[in-house]
Amino acid sequence: MGEQAKGISCPYLPIIYREGATTSIYPAVSVRLTSSTAEYDTIMLVDSGSEKTYLMKGDAEILGLQFEKDKDGVSDGKVKAHGAGAKFDCNFATVDKISIMKNDEPFCIFENVRIRVPMDKEAIPCAVLGRDYLFKKFDITFHEGLQRMTFMPSLSTLATGQRT
C-alpha cells in the first residue's frame, strides 16, 4: 500500500482588519516574505474564495517590490479585481519567496510568486493567500469549531511526486 501523506495542522491566528479595530481570529497563517532587498514575517488570510494571492500595498512597500510595467512603461492599476462585492485596481509584482510557517519553520516555500497589489491601501483588509498557489499544493480543511486548518498535500501533488 502507498505511503500516506502527513497533514500539517495550524491554529487560526488573530488579525486586526483596520487600525483601532478589535482583533478577531481567522484562518490565517504566518508567512515569511522575501524580496531581493528585504525579508519580514507577517500573517496572511487563507482564502478558499479568492482566486488570486494579494499583498497589501504596505507589504509591497516594505519589500521594495517593483510593479510590472506595460509596454509604455506605466504601472498603475493594470488589472481590476472583484471580490466580496468590492472592485479595485491592482498592480502586479513578483515576490522572490513566500514561506508558509509553523513554529518558525517553513513547511512550504513558493518562489517567484506573481501577486496582485491593490493600488488603494484600504482595498483589502489583510494579505490573502488564494487558490492560485497554496490550494494547488494542499487540500485544506477548515475546522471552524476548533479554529484550526489542516494542510494535506493535494492528490495532484502526491501523484506527480512534487515536494511541498
Protein backbone atom coordinates (compact mmCIF):
# COMPACT_ATOMS: atom_id res chain seq x y z
CA MET A 1 0.00 0.00 0.00
CA GLY A 2 1.25 3.53 -0.78
CA GLU A 3 2.70 5.93 1.74
CA GLN A 4 0.06 8.04 3.47
CA ALA A 5 0.57 11.81 3.30
CA LYS A 6 1.10 13.61 6.57
CA GLY A 7 -1.03 16.64 7.26
CA ILE A 8 0.07 19.85 8.91
CA SER A 9 -2.32 21.39 11.42
CA CYS A 10 -2.16 25.11 12.14
CA PRO A 11 -4.25 27.21 14.50
CA TYR A 12 -6.23 30.18 13.26
CA LEU A 13 -4.44 33.44 14.00
CA PRO A 14 -5.54 36.89 15.16
CA ILE A 15 -5.92 39.60 12.54
CA ILE A 16 -6.66 43.26 13.11
CA TYR A 17 -8.52 44.30 9.98
CA ARG A 18 -8.29 48.06 10.46
CA GLU A 19 -6.26 50.27 12.76
CA GLY A 20 -8.11 50.70 16.02
CA ALA A 21 -10.40 47.74 15.31
CA THR A 22 -10.73 44.76 17.60
CA THR A 23 -8.69 41.64 16.94
CA SER A 24 -10.51 38.56 15.66
CA ILE A 25 -9.36 35.01 14.97
CA TYR A 26 -9.33 33.94 11.29
CA PRO A 27 -7.99 31.09 9.16
CA ALA A 28 -4.62 32.72 8.66
CA VAL A 29 -1.02 31.52 8.67
CA SER A 30 2.33 33.03 9.48
CA VAL A 31 4.41 33.72 6.40
CA ARG A 32 7.90 34.97 5.69
CA LEU A 33 8.03 37.26 2.68
CA THR A 34 11.40 37.63 0.95
CA SER A 35 12.50 40.03 -1.76
CA SER A 36 15.92 40.99 -3.06
CA THR A 37 16.02 43.87 -0.56
CA ALA A 38 14.03 42.75 2.50
CA GLU A 39 12.59 39.89 4.48
CA TYR A 40 9.90 40.02 7.11
CA ASP A 41 7.27 37.91 8.82
CA THR A 42 3.55 38.65 8.68
CA ILE A 43 0.17 36.92 8.63
CA MET A 44 -1.90 36.10 5.56
CA LEU A 45 -5.54 35.02 5.38
CA VAL A 46 -6.05 31.57 3.82
CA ASP A 47 -8.98 32.28 1.50
CA SER A 48 -10.59 29.47 -0.50
CA GLY A 49 -12.88 32.07 -2.08
CA SER A 50 -10.03 34.08 -3.57
CA GLU A 51 -8.71 33.02 -6.96
CA LYS A 52 -5.52 35.05 -6.52
CA THR A 53 -2.90 35.93 -3.92
CA TYR A 54 -2.82 39.56 -2.76
CA LEU A 55 -0.37 41.59 -0.73
CA MET A 56 -1.30 44.83 0.89
CA LYS A 57 0.34 47.91 -0.55
CA GLY A 58 2.28 48.41 2.69
CA ASP A 59 3.71 44.87 2.38
CA ALA A 60 4.89 45.63 -1.15
CA GLU A 61 6.49 48.87 0.03
CA ILE A 62 8.35 47.13 2.89
CA LEU A 63 9.66 44.54 0.44
CA GLY A 64 10.62 47.20 -2.09
CA LEU A 65 8.70 45.41 -4.83
CA GLN A 66 8.69 46.89 -8.31
CA PHE A 67 5.37 46.82 -10.12
CA GLU A 68 5.25 45.30 -13.58
CA LYS A 69 5.09 47.89 -16.32
CA ASP A 70 3.19 47.78 -19.59
CA LYS A 71 4.80 48.40 -22.99
CA ASP A 72 4.52 52.16 -22.36
CA GLY A 73 6.38 51.86 -19.04
CA VAL A 74 3.26 52.54 -16.94
CA SER A 75 2.34 50.50 -13.85
CA ASP A 76 -0.90 51.88 -12.49
CA GLY A 77 -3.80 49.52 -11.97
CA LYS A 78 -3.39 47.13 -14.85
CA VAL A 79 -5.96 44.65 -13.57
CA LYS A 80 -9.34 45.04 -11.99
CA ALA A 81 -10.04 42.72 -9.08
CA HIS A 82 -13.51 41.72 -7.92
CA GLY A 83 -14.32 40.13 -4.61
CA ALA A 84 -16.82 40.16 -1.78
CA GLY A 85 -18.80 42.88 -3.52
CA ALA A 86 -15.79 45.14 -4.00
CA LYS A 87 -13.93 46.17 -7.15
CA PHE A 88 -10.45 47.63 -7.06
CA ASP A 89 -7.45 48.26 -9.28
CA CYS A 90 -4.28 46.23 -8.78
CA ASN A 91 -0.70 46.16 -9.97
CA PHE A 92 1.31 43.00 -10.48
CA ALA A 93 4.59 42.35 -8.71
CA THR A 94 6.75 39.30 -8.02
CA VAL A 95 7.80 38.21 -4.54
CA ASP A 96 11.04 36.22 -4.55
CA LYS A 97 9.82 33.84 -1.88
CA ILE A 98 6.75 33.22 0.27
CA SER A 99 7.44 30.70 3.05
CA ILE A 100 4.41 29.29 4.87
CA MET A 101 5.45 28.90 8.51
CA LYS A 102 4.57 26.79 11.52
CA ASN A 103 6.50 27.21 14.77
CA ASP A 104 9.02 29.48 12.99
CA GLU A 105 9.83 26.74 10.45
CA PRO A 106 8.69 26.76 6.81
CA PHE A 107 6.52 23.85 5.75
CA CYS A 108 6.04 25.13 2.22
CA ILE A 109 8.00 27.58 0.08
CA PHE A 110 6.81 29.27 -3.09
CA GLU A 111 9.37 31.05 -5.25
CA ASN A 112 8.90 33.82 -7.80
CA VAL A 113 5.29 34.36 -6.80
CA ARG A 114 3.34 36.73 -9.05
CA ILE A 115 0.97 38.57 -6.75
CA ARG A 116 -1.53 41.38 -7.02
CA VAL A 117 -1.19 44.58 -5.02
CA PRO A 118 -4.25 46.82 -4.74
CA MET A 119 -3.44 50.45 -5.52
CA ASP A 120 -5.68 51.66 -2.71
CA LYS A 121 -4.26 50.87 0.76
CA GLU A 122 -7.82 50.34 2.05
CA ALA A 123 -8.94 47.98 -0.76
CA ILE A 124 -8.27 44.80 1.22
CA PRO A 125 -8.12 44.43 4.99
CA CYS A 126 -5.21 41.97 5.03
CA ALA A 127 -2.90 39.99 2.75
CA VAL A 128 -4.54 36.93 1.14
CA LEU A 129 -3.28 33.50 0.09
CA GLY A 130 -5.65 32.48 -2.69
CA ARG A 131 -6.16 29.37 -4.76
CA ASP A 132 -3.52 30.25 -7.37
CA TYR A 133 -0.59 28.84 -5.34
CA LEU A 134 -1.43 27.43 -1.91
CA PHE A 135 -4.52 25.44 -2.91
CA LYS A 136 -2.69 23.81 -5.79
CA LYS A 137 -0.22 22.21 -3.37
CA PHE A 138 -2.58 21.47 -0.49
CA ASP A 139 -6.07 20.25 0.17
CA ILE A 140 -7.03 22.45 3.10
CA THR A 141 -9.66 21.57 5.65
CA PHE A 142 -11.03 24.30 7.87
CA HIS A 143 -12.03 23.05 11.33
CA GLU A 144 -14.08 26.07 12.34
CA GLY A 145 -15.13 24.73 15.74
CA LEU A 146 -11.51 24.04 16.66
CA GLN A 147 -10.23 27.20 14.95
CA ARG A 148 -7.61 25.17 13.07
CA MET A 149 -6.72 24.27 9.48
CA THR A 150 -5.21 21.06 8.19
CA PHE A 151 -2.94 21.20 5.15
CA MET A 152 -2.74 17.87 3.32
CA PRO A 153 -0.60 17.52 0.19
CA SER A 154 -3.05 17.64 -2.71
CA LEU A 155 -3.71 14.48 -4.66
CA SER A 156 -2.16 16.10 -7.75
CA THR A 157 0.99 16.93 -5.75
CA LEU A 158 1.22 13.34 -4.48
CA ALA A 159 0.60 11.91 -7.96
CA THR A 160 3.41 13.94 -9.54
CA GLY A 161 5.80 13.50 -6.61
CA GLN A 162 6.17 17.27 -6.12
CA ARG A 163 7.63 18.45 -2.85
CA THR A 164 5.80 20.97 -0.72
